[in-house]
Amino acid sequence: MEPIWSLQDAKNKFSEVVERAIHHGPQKVSRRNIPAVVVLSFHDYDTLRHKNKHLGDFFLKSPLHATPLNMDRSKNMPRQI
């Protein structure tokens, strides 16, 4: 289980929290025993920020991209109200 820093410990050992975020991954911080924030390296942040930037790329990477779509419109009349 990943350790969760208390806010007080994170403030007192901020340099260590940052070092661990850089070398070991995101660091969780809680306030009053409730998860509050995550400290992550700039590289991790930048990767998340640029992930799936273009919608077209997202669809091309989908496992369903080769599935044919039925684009025929129904010729039924709308229901009566």
PDB file of N, CA and C in Angstrom:
ATOM      1  N   MET A   1       0.842  -1.191   0.000  1.00  0.00           N
ATOM      2  CA  MET A   1       0.000   0.000   0.000  1.00  0.00           C
ATOM      3  C   MET A   1       0.879   1.243   0.000  1.00  0.00           C
ATOM      4  N   GLU A   2       0.511   2.212  -0.801  1.00  0.00           N
ATOM      5  CA  GLU A   2       1.277   3.449  -0.880  1.00  0.00           C
ATOM      6  C   GLU A   2       1.048   4.287   0.374  1.00  0.00           C
ATOM      7  N   PRO A   3       2.127   4.832   0.921  1.00  0.00           N
ATOM      8  CA  PRO A   3       1.936   5.685   2.099  1.00  0.00           C
ATOM      9  C   PRO A   3       1.249   6.998   1.732  1.00  0.00           C
ATOM     10  N   ILE A   4       0.467   7.505   2.631  1.00  0.00           N
ATOM     11  CA  ILE A   4      -0.192   8.799   2.460  1.00  0.00           C
ATOM     12  C   ILE A   4       0.394   9.734   3.511  1.00  0.00           C
ATOM     13  N   TRP A   5       0.910  10.836   3.050  1.00  0.00           N
ATOM     14  CA  TRP A   5       1.491  11.826   3.953  1.00  0.00           C
ATOM     15  C   TRP A   5       0.375  12.619   4.619  1.00  0.00           C
ATOM     16  N   SER A   6       0.531  12.880   5.905  1.00  0.00           N
ATOM     17  CA  SER A   6      -0.381  13.835   6.540  1.00  0.00           C
ATOM     18  C   SER A   6       0.067  15.223   6.089  1.00  0.00           C
ATOM     19  N   LEU A   7      -0.823  16.169   6.107  1.00  0.00           N
ATOM     20  CA  LEU A   7      -0.481  17.519   5.662  1.00  0.00           C
ATOM     21  C   LEU A   7       0.678  18.085   6.484  1.00  0.00           C
ATOM     22  N   GLN A   8       0.650  17.863   7.783  1.00  0.00           N
ATOM     23  CA  GLN A   8       1.714  18.381   8.654  1.00  0.00           C
ATOM     24  C   GLN A   8       3.061  17.759   8.297  1.00  0.00           C
ATOM     25  N   ASP A   9       3.084  16.429   8.090  1.00  0.00           N
ATOM     26  CA  ASP A   9       4.335  15.770   7.702  1.00  0.00           C
ATOM     27  C   ASP A   9       4.812  16.255   6.334  1.00  0.00           C
ATOM     28  N   ALA A  10       3.879  16.425   5.401  1.00  0.00           N
ATOM     29  CA  ALA A  10       4.248  16.888   4.060  1.00  0.00           C
ATOM     30  C   ALA A  10       4.844  18.295   4.127  1.00  0.00           C
ATOM     31  N   LYS A  11       4.282  19.147   4.984  1.00  0.00           N
ATOM     32  CA  LYS A  11       4.827  20.503   5.124  1.00  0.00           C
ATOM     33  C   LYS A  11       6.217  20.456   5.745  1.00  0.00           C
ATOM     34  N   ASN A  12       6.382  19.632   6.769  1.00  0.00           N
ATOM     35  CA  ASN A  12       7.668  19.552   7.463  1.00  0.00           C
ATOM     36  C   ASN A  12       8.751  18.893   6.614  1.00  0.00           C
ATOM     37  N   LYS A  13       8.370  18.000   5.727  1.00  0.00           N
ATOM     38  CA  LYS A  13       9.337  17.252   4.920  1.00  0.00           C
ATOM     39  C   LYS A  13       9.067  17.465   3.426  1.00  0.00           C
ATOM     40  N   PHE A  14       8.761  18.690   3.050  1.00  0.00           N
ATOM     41  CA  PHE A  14       8.370  18.976   1.682  1.00  0.00           C
ATOM     42  C   PHE A  14       9.434  18.560   0.669  1.00  0.00           C
ATOM     43  N   SER A  15      10.705  18.801   0.979  1.00  0.00           N
ATOM     44  CA  SER A  15      11.785  18.411   0.072  1.00  0.00           C
ATOM     45  C   SER A  15      11.769  16.910  -0.169  1.00  0.00           C
ATOM     46  N   GLU A  16      11.511  16.134   0.868  1.00  0.00           N
ATOM     47  CA  GLU A  16      11.448  14.681   0.726  1.00  0.00           C
ATOM     48  C   GLU A  16      10.232  14.269  -0.105  1.00  0.00           C
ATOM     49  N   VAL A  17       9.107  14.923   0.108  1.00  0.00           N
ATOM     50  CA  VAL A  17       7.902  14.635  -0.677  1.00  0.00           C
ATOM     51  C   VAL A  17       8.186  14.882  -2.156  1.00  0.00           C
ATOM     52  N   VAL A  18       8.854  15.996  -2.472  1.00  0.00           N
ATOM     53  CA  VAL A  18       9.177  16.331  -3.854  1.00  0.00           C
ATOM     54  C   VAL A  18      10.145  15.304  -4.438  1.00  0.00           C
ATOM     55  N   GLU A  19      11.183  14.948  -3.708  1.00  0.00           N
ATOM     56  CA  GLU A  19      12.145  13.950  -4.182  1.00  0.00           C
ATOM     57  C   GLU A  19      11.458  12.615  -4.463  1.00  0.00           C
ATOM     58  N   ARG A  20      10.585  12.198  -3.572  1.00  0.00           N
ATOM     59  CA  ARG A  20       9.871  10.933  -3.792  1.00  0.00           C
ATOM     60  C   ARG A  20       8.939  11.024  -4.991  1.00  0.00           C
ATOM     61  N   ALA A  21       8.320  12.169  -5.189  1.00  0.00           N
ATOM     62  CA  ALA A  21       7.444  12.346  -6.352  1.00  0.00           C
ATOM     63  C   ALA A  21       8.253  12.232  -7.643  1.00  0.00           C
ATOM     64  N   ILE A  22       9.456  12.780  -7.637  1.00  0.00           N
ATOM     65  CA  ILE A  22      10.309  12.737  -8.823  1.00  0.00           C
ATOM     66  C   ILE A  22      10.812  11.318  -9.093  1.00  0.00           C
ATOM     67  N   HIS A  23      11.242  10.622  -8.043  1.00  0.00           N
ATOM     68  CA  HIS A  23      11.910   9.329  -8.224  1.00  0.00           C
ATOM     69  C   HIS A  23      11.013   8.108  -8.039  1.00  0.00           C
ATOM     70  N   HIS A  24       9.907   8.254  -7.309  1.00  0.00           N
ATOM     71  CA  HIS A  24       9.081   7.079  -6.987  1.00  0.00           C
ATOM     72  C   HIS A  24       7.630   7.211  -7.415  1.00  0.00           C
ATOM     73  N   GLY A  25       7.250   8.352  -7.965  1.00  0.00           N
ATOM     74  CA  GLY A  25       5.877   8.515  -8.420  1.00  0.00           C
ATOM     75  C   GLY A  25       5.065   9.442  -7.534  1.00  0.00           C
ATOM     76  N   PRO A  26       3.805   9.638  -7.884  1.00  0.00           N
ATOM     77  CA  PRO A  26       2.934  10.582  -7.169  1.00  0.00           C
ATOM     78  C   PRO A  26       2.854  10.298  -5.673  1.00  0.00           C
ATOM     79  N   GLN A  27       2.799  11.380  -4.899  1.00  0.00           N
ATOM     80  CA  GLN A  27       2.708  11.294  -3.441  1.00  0.00           C
ATOM     81  C   GLN A  27       1.364  11.858  -2.989  1.00  0.00           C
ATOM     82  N   LYS A  28       0.633  11.055  -2.233  1.00  0.00           N
ATOM     83  CA  LYS A  28      -0.686  11.474  -1.748  1.00  0.00           C
ATOM     84  C   LYS A  28      -0.537  12.194  -0.408  1.00  0.00           C
ATOM     85  N   VAL A  29      -1.336  13.242  -0.246  1.00  0.00           N
ATOM     86  CA  VAL A  29      -1.326  14.017   0.997  1.00  0.00           C
ATOM     87  C   VAL A  29      -2.761  14.126   1.494  1.00  0.00           C
ATOM     88  N   SER A  30      -2.935  13.859   2.795  1.00  0.00           N
ATOM     89  CA  SER A  30      -4.278  13.952   3.376  1.00  0.00           C
ATOM     90  C   SER A  30      -4.345  15.110   4.360  1.00  0.00           C
ATOM     91  N   ARG A  31      -5.542  15.616   4.533  1.00  0.00           N
ATOM     92  CA  ARG A  31      -5.805  16.664   5.525  1.00  0.00           C
ATOM     93  C   ARG A  31      -6.948  16.167   6.388  1.00  0.00           C
ATOM     94  N   ARG A  32      -6.712  16.101   7.673  1.00  0.00           N
ATOM     95  CA  ARG A  32      -7.699  15.566   8.627  1.00  0.00           C
ATOM     96  C   ARG A  32      -8.139  14.151   8.236  1.00  0.00           C
ATOM     97  N   ASN A  33      -7.149  13.335   7.851  1.00  0.00           N
ATOM     98  CA  ASN A  33      -7.354  11.932   7.459  1.00  0.00           C
ATOM     99  C   ASN A  33      -8.234  11.747   6.224  1.00  0.00           C
ATOM    100  N   ILE A  34      -8.397  12.789   5.428  1.00  0.00           N
ATOM    101  CA  ILE A  34      -9.157  12.706   4.181  1.00  0.00           C
ATOM    102  C   ILE A  34      -8.193  13.031   3.040  1.00  0.00           C
ATOM    103  N   PRO A  35      -8.087  12.139   2.031  1.00  0.00           N
ATOM    104  CA  PRO A  35      -7.191  12.445   0.906  1.00  0.00           C
ATOM    105  C   PRO A  35      -7.505  13.827   0.327  1.00  0.00           C
ATOM    106  N   ALA A  36      -6.459  14.642   0.169  1.00  0.00           N
ATOM    107  CA  ALA A  36      -6.675  16.026  -0.262  1.00  0.00           C
ATOM    108  C   ALA A  36      -6.014  16.350  -1.600  1.00  0.00           C
ATOM    109  N   VAL A  37      -4.734  16.026  -1.740  1.00  0.00           N
ATOM    110  CA  VAL A  37      -4.005  16.380  -2.955  1.00  0.00           C
ATOM    111  C   VAL A  37      -2.994  15.294  -3.297  1.00  0.00           C
ATOM    112  N   VAL A  38      -2.458  15.403  -4.517  1.00  0.00           N
ATOM    113  CA  VAL A  38      -1.386  14.521  -4.964  1.00  0.00           C
ATOM    114  C   VAL A  38      -0.254  15.406  -5.474  1.00  0.00           C
ATOM    115  N   VAL A  39       0.966  15.122  -5.031  1.00  0.00           N
ATOM    116  CA  VAL A  39       2.145  15.830  -5.508  1.00  0.00           C
ATOM    117  C   VAL A  39       2.794  14.926  -6.549  1.00  0.00           C
ATOM    118  N   LEU A  40       2.961  15.453  -7.776  1.00  0.00           N
ATOM    119  CA  LEU A  40       3.608  14.648  -8.797  1.00  0.00           C
ATOM    120  C   LEU A  40       4.677  15.437  -9.510  1.00  0.00           C
ATOM    121  N   SER A  41       5.584  14.715 -10.124  1.00  0.00           N
ATOM    122  CA  SER A  41       6.688  15.359 -10.829  1.00  0.00           C
ATOM    123  C   SER A  41       6.152  16.128 -12.033  1.00  0.00           C
ATOM    124  N   PHE A  42       6.949  17.073 -12.491  1.00  0.00           N
ATOM    125  CA  PHE A  42       6.535  17.842 -13.659  1.00  0.00           C
ATOM    126  C   PHE A  42       6.395  16.929 -14.869  1.00  0.00           C
ATOM    127  N   HIS A  43       7.278  15.954 -14.996  1.00  0.00           N
ATOM    128  CA  HIS A  43       7.206  15.010 -16.118  1.00  0.00           C
ATOM    129  C   HIS A  43       5.867  14.268 -16.109  1.00  0.00           C
ATOM    130  N   ASP A  44       5.447  13.767 -14.937  1.00  0.00           N
ATOM    131  CA  ASP A  44       4.162  13.070 -14.842  1.00  0.00           C
ATOM    132  C   ASP A  44       3.002  14.008 -15.163  1.00  0.00           C
ATOM    133  N   TYR A  45       3.071  15.217 -14.650  1.00  0.00           N
ATOM    134  CA  TYR A  45       2.030  16.210 -14.915  1.00  0.00           C
ATOM    135  C   TYR A  45       1.934  16.511 -16.408  1.00  0.00           C
ATOM    136  N   ASP A  46       3.091  16.749 -17.026  1.00  0.00           N
ATOM    137  CA  ASP A  46       3.120  17.096 -18.448  1.00  0.00           C
ATOM    138  C   ASP A  46       2.598  15.937 -19.298  1.00  0.00           C
ATOM    139  N   THR A  47       2.939  14.710 -18.920  1.00  0.00           N
ATOM    140  CA  THR A  47       2.440  13.535 -19.636  1.00  0.00           C
ATOM    141  C   THR A  47       0.926  13.457 -19.545  1.00  0.00           C
ATOM    142  N   LEU A  48       0.371  13.669 -18.372  1.00  0.00           N
ATOM    143  CA  LEU A  48      -1.081  13.633 -18.202  1.00  0.00           C
ATOM    144  C   LEU A  48      -1.754  14.760 -18.981  1.00  0.00           C
ATOM    145  N   ARG A  49      -1.139  15.914 -18.965  1.00  0.00           N
ATOM    146  CA  ARG A  49      -1.713  17.078 -19.634  1.00  0.00           C
ATOM    147  C   ARG A  49      -1.788  16.903 -21.141  1.00  0.00           C
ATOM    148  N   HIS A  50      -0.819  16.246 -21.723  1.00  0.00           N
ATOM    149  CA  HIS A  50      -0.775  16.093 -23.169  1.00  0.00           C
ATOM    150  C   HIS A  50      -1.328  14.761 -23.657  1.00  0.00           C
ATOM    151  N   LYS A  51      -1.824  13.965 -22.761  1.00  0.00           N
ATOM    152  CA  LYS A  51      -2.357  12.665 -23.146  1.00  0.00           C
ATOM    153  C   LYS A  51      -3.623  12.856 -23.988  1.00  0.00           C
ATOM    154  N   ASN A  52      -3.682  12.137 -25.098  1.00  0.00           N
ATOM    155  CA  ASN A  52      -4.848  12.179 -25.995  1.00  0.00           C
ATOM    156  C   ASN A  52      -5.219  13.605 -26.372  1.00  0.00           C
ATOM    157  N   LYS A  53      -4.243  14.359 -26.816  1.00  0.00           N
ATOM    158  CA  LYS A  53      -4.474  15.764 -27.120  1.00  0.00           C
ATOM    159  C   LYS A  53      -5.440  15.955 -28.288  1.00  0.00           C
ATOM    160  N   HIS A  54      -5.363  15.098 -29.313  1.00  0.00           N
ATOM    161  CA  HIS A  54      -6.205  15.259 -30.487  1.00  0.00           C
ATOM    162  C   HIS A  54      -7.281  14.184 -30.517  1.00  0.00           C
ATOM    163  N   LEU A  55      -8.506  14.573 -30.727  1.00  0.00           N
ATOM    164  CA  LEU A  55      -9.625  13.639 -30.739  1.00  0.00           C
ATOM    165  C   LEU A  55      -9.463  12.600 -31.843  1.00  0.00           C
ATOM    166  N   GLY A  56      -8.967  13.002 -32.991  1.00  0.00           N
ATOM    167  CA  GLY A  56      -8.745  12.065 -34.087  1.00  0.00           C
ATOM    168  C   GLY A  56      -7.757  10.971 -33.704  1.00  0.00           C
ATOM    169  N   ASP A  57      -6.667  11.351 -33.005  1.00  0.00           N
ATOM    170  CA  ASP A  57      -5.684  10.363 -32.543  1.00  0.00           C
ATOM    171  C   ASP A  57      -6.318   9.398 -31.554  1.00  0.00           C
ATOM    172  N   PHE A  58      -7.183   9.931 -30.703  1.00  0.00           N
ATOM    173  CA  PHE A  58      -7.879   9.094 -29.732  1.00  0.00           C
ATOM    174  C   PHE A  58      -8.695   8.012 -30.445  1.00  0.00           C
ATOM    175  N   PHE A  59      -9.450   8.417 -31.475  1.00  0.00           N
ATOM    176  CA  PHE A  59     -10.266   7.450 -32.201  1.00  0.00           C
ATOM    177  C   PHE A  59      -9.410   6.455 -32.986  1.00  0.00           C
ATOM    178  N   LEU A  60      -8.291   6.909 -33.548  1.00  0.00           N
ATOM    179  CA  LEU A  60      -7.417   6.003 -34.288  1.00  0.00           C
ATOM    180  C   LEU A  60      -6.763   4.964 -33.377  1.00  0.00           C
ATOM    181  N   LYS A  61      -6.523   5.318 -32.126  1.00  0.00           N
ATOM    182  CA  LYS A  61      -5.909   4.384 -31.177  1.00  0.00           C
ATOM    183  C   LYS A  61      -6.927   3.461 -30.533  1.00  0.00           C
ATOM    184  N   SER A  62      -8.198   3.705 -30.753  1.00  0.00           N
ATOM    185  CA  SER A  62      -9.253   2.887 -30.167  1.00  0.00           C
ATOM    186  C   SER A  62      -9.209   1.476 -30.730  1.00  0.00           C
ATOM    187  N   PRO A  63      -9.450   0.456 -29.897  1.00  0.00           N
ATOM    188  CA  PRO A  63      -9.505  -0.906 -30.418  1.00  0.00           C
ATOM    189  C   PRO A  63     -10.697  -1.111 -31.352  1.00  0.00           C
ATOM    190  N   LEU A  64     -11.633  -0.196 -31.363  1.00  0.00           N
ATOM    191  CA  LEU A  64     -12.821  -0.314 -32.214  1.00  0.00           C
ATOM    192  C   LEU A  64     -12.708   0.486 -33.508  1.00  0.00           C
ATOM    193  N   HIS A  65     -11.530   1.052 -33.802  1.00  0.00           N
ATOM    194  CA  HIS A  65     -11.417   1.951 -34.955  1.00  0.00           C
ATOM    195  C   HIS A  65     -11.735   1.268 -36.285  1.00  0.00           C
ATOM    196  N   ALA A  66     -11.594  -0.049 -36.388  1.00  0.00           N
ATOM    197  CA  ALA A  66     -11.875  -0.745 -37.645  1.00  0.00           C
ATOM    198  C   ALA A  66     -13.298  -1.295 -37.711  1.00  0.00           C
ATOM    199  N   THR A  67     -14.075  -1.095 -36.644  1.00  0.00           N
ATOM    200  CA  THR A  67     -15.448  -1.594 -36.609  1.00  0.00           C
ATOM    201  C   THR A  67     -16.319  -0.746 -37.528  1.00  0.00           C
ATOM    202  N   PRO A  68     -17.045  -1.393 -38.452  1.00  0.00           N
ATOM    203  CA  PRO A  68     -17.905  -0.607 -39.352  1.00  0.00           C
ATOM    204  C   PRO A  68     -19.092  -0.006 -38.594  1.00  0.00           C
ATOM    205  N   LEU A  69     -19.476   1.175 -39.006  1.00  0.00           N
ATOM    206  CA  LEU A  69     -20.618   1.854 -38.386  1.00  0.00           C
ATOM    207  C   LEU A  69     -21.808   1.801 -39.333  1.00  0.00           C
ATOM    208  N   ASN A  70     -22.978   1.582 -38.790  1.00  0.00           N
ATOM    209  CA  ASN A  70     -24.203   1.620 -39.585  1.00  0.00           C
ATOM    210  C   ASN A  70     -24.708   3.057 -39.551  1.00  0.00           C
ATOM    211  N   MET A  71     -24.562   3.762 -40.661  1.00  0.00           N
ATOM    212  CA  MET A  71     -24.945   5.175 -40.720  1.00  0.00           C
ATOM    213  C   MET A  71     -26.289   5.382 -41.422  1.00  0.00           C
ATOM    214  N   ASP A  72     -27.031   4.293 -41.668  1.00  0.00           N
ATOM    215  CA  ASP A  72     -28.337   4.417 -42.308  1.00  0.00           C
ATOM    216  C   ASP A  72     -29.330   5.055 -41.350  1.00  0.00           C
ATOM    217  N   ARG A  73     -30.095   5.997 -41.881  1.00  0.00           N
ATOM    218  CA  ARG A  73     -31.119   6.659 -41.070  1.00  0.00           C
ATOM    219  C   ARG A  73     -32.403   5.864 -41.111  1.00  0.00           C
ATOM    220  N   SER A  74     -33.078   5.849 -40.001  1.00  0.00           N
ATOM    221  CA  SER A  74     -34.381   5.185 -39.952  1.00  0.00           C
ATOM    222  C   SER A  74     -35.387   5.994 -40.768  1.00  0.00           C
ATOM    223  N   LYS A  75     -36.190   5.301 -41.550  1.00  0.00           N
ATOM    224  CA  LYS A  75     -37.197   5.975 -42.360  1.00  0.00           C
ATOM    225  C   LYS A  75     -38.561   5.949 -41.682  1.00  0.00           C
ATOM    226  N   ASN A  76     -38.596   5.457 -40.449  1.00  0.00           N
ATOM    227  CA  ASN A  76     -39.862   5.415 -39.688  1.00  0.00           C
ATOM    228  C   ASN A  76     -40.313   6.830 -39.345  1.00  0.00           C
ATOM    229  N   MET A  77     -41.611   7.017 -39.285  1.00  0.00           N
ATOM    230  CA  MET A  77     -42.157   8.297 -38.878  1.00  0.00           C
ATOM    231  C   MET A  77     -42.011   8.436 -37.364  1.00  0.00           C
ATOM    232  N   PRO A  78     -41.891   9.662 -36.895  1.00  0.00           N
ATOM    233  CA  PRO A  78     -41.798   9.849 -35.432  1.00  0.00           C
ATOM    234  C   PRO A  78     -43.095   9.411 -34.767  1.00  0.00           C
ATOM    235  N   ARG A  79     -43.010   9.099 -33.521  1.00  0.00           N
ATOM    236  CA  ARG A  79     -44.220   8.666 -32.807  1.00  0.00           C
ATOM    237  C   ARG A  79     -45.181   9.824 -32.631  1.00  0.00           C
ATOM    238  N   GLN A  80     -46.450   9.499 -32.509  1.00  0.00           N
ATOM    239  CA  GLN A  80     -47.460  10.536 -32.305  1.00  0.00           C
ATOM    240  C   GLN A  80     -47.537  10.875 -30.830  1.00  0.00           C
ATOM    241  N   ILE A  81     -47.759  12.142 -30.567  1.00  0.00           N
ATOM    242  CA  ILE A  81     -47.857  12.589 -29.192  1.00  0.00           C
ATOM    243  C   ILE A  81     -49.329  12.789 -28.845  1.00  0.00           C
TER     244      ILE A  81
END
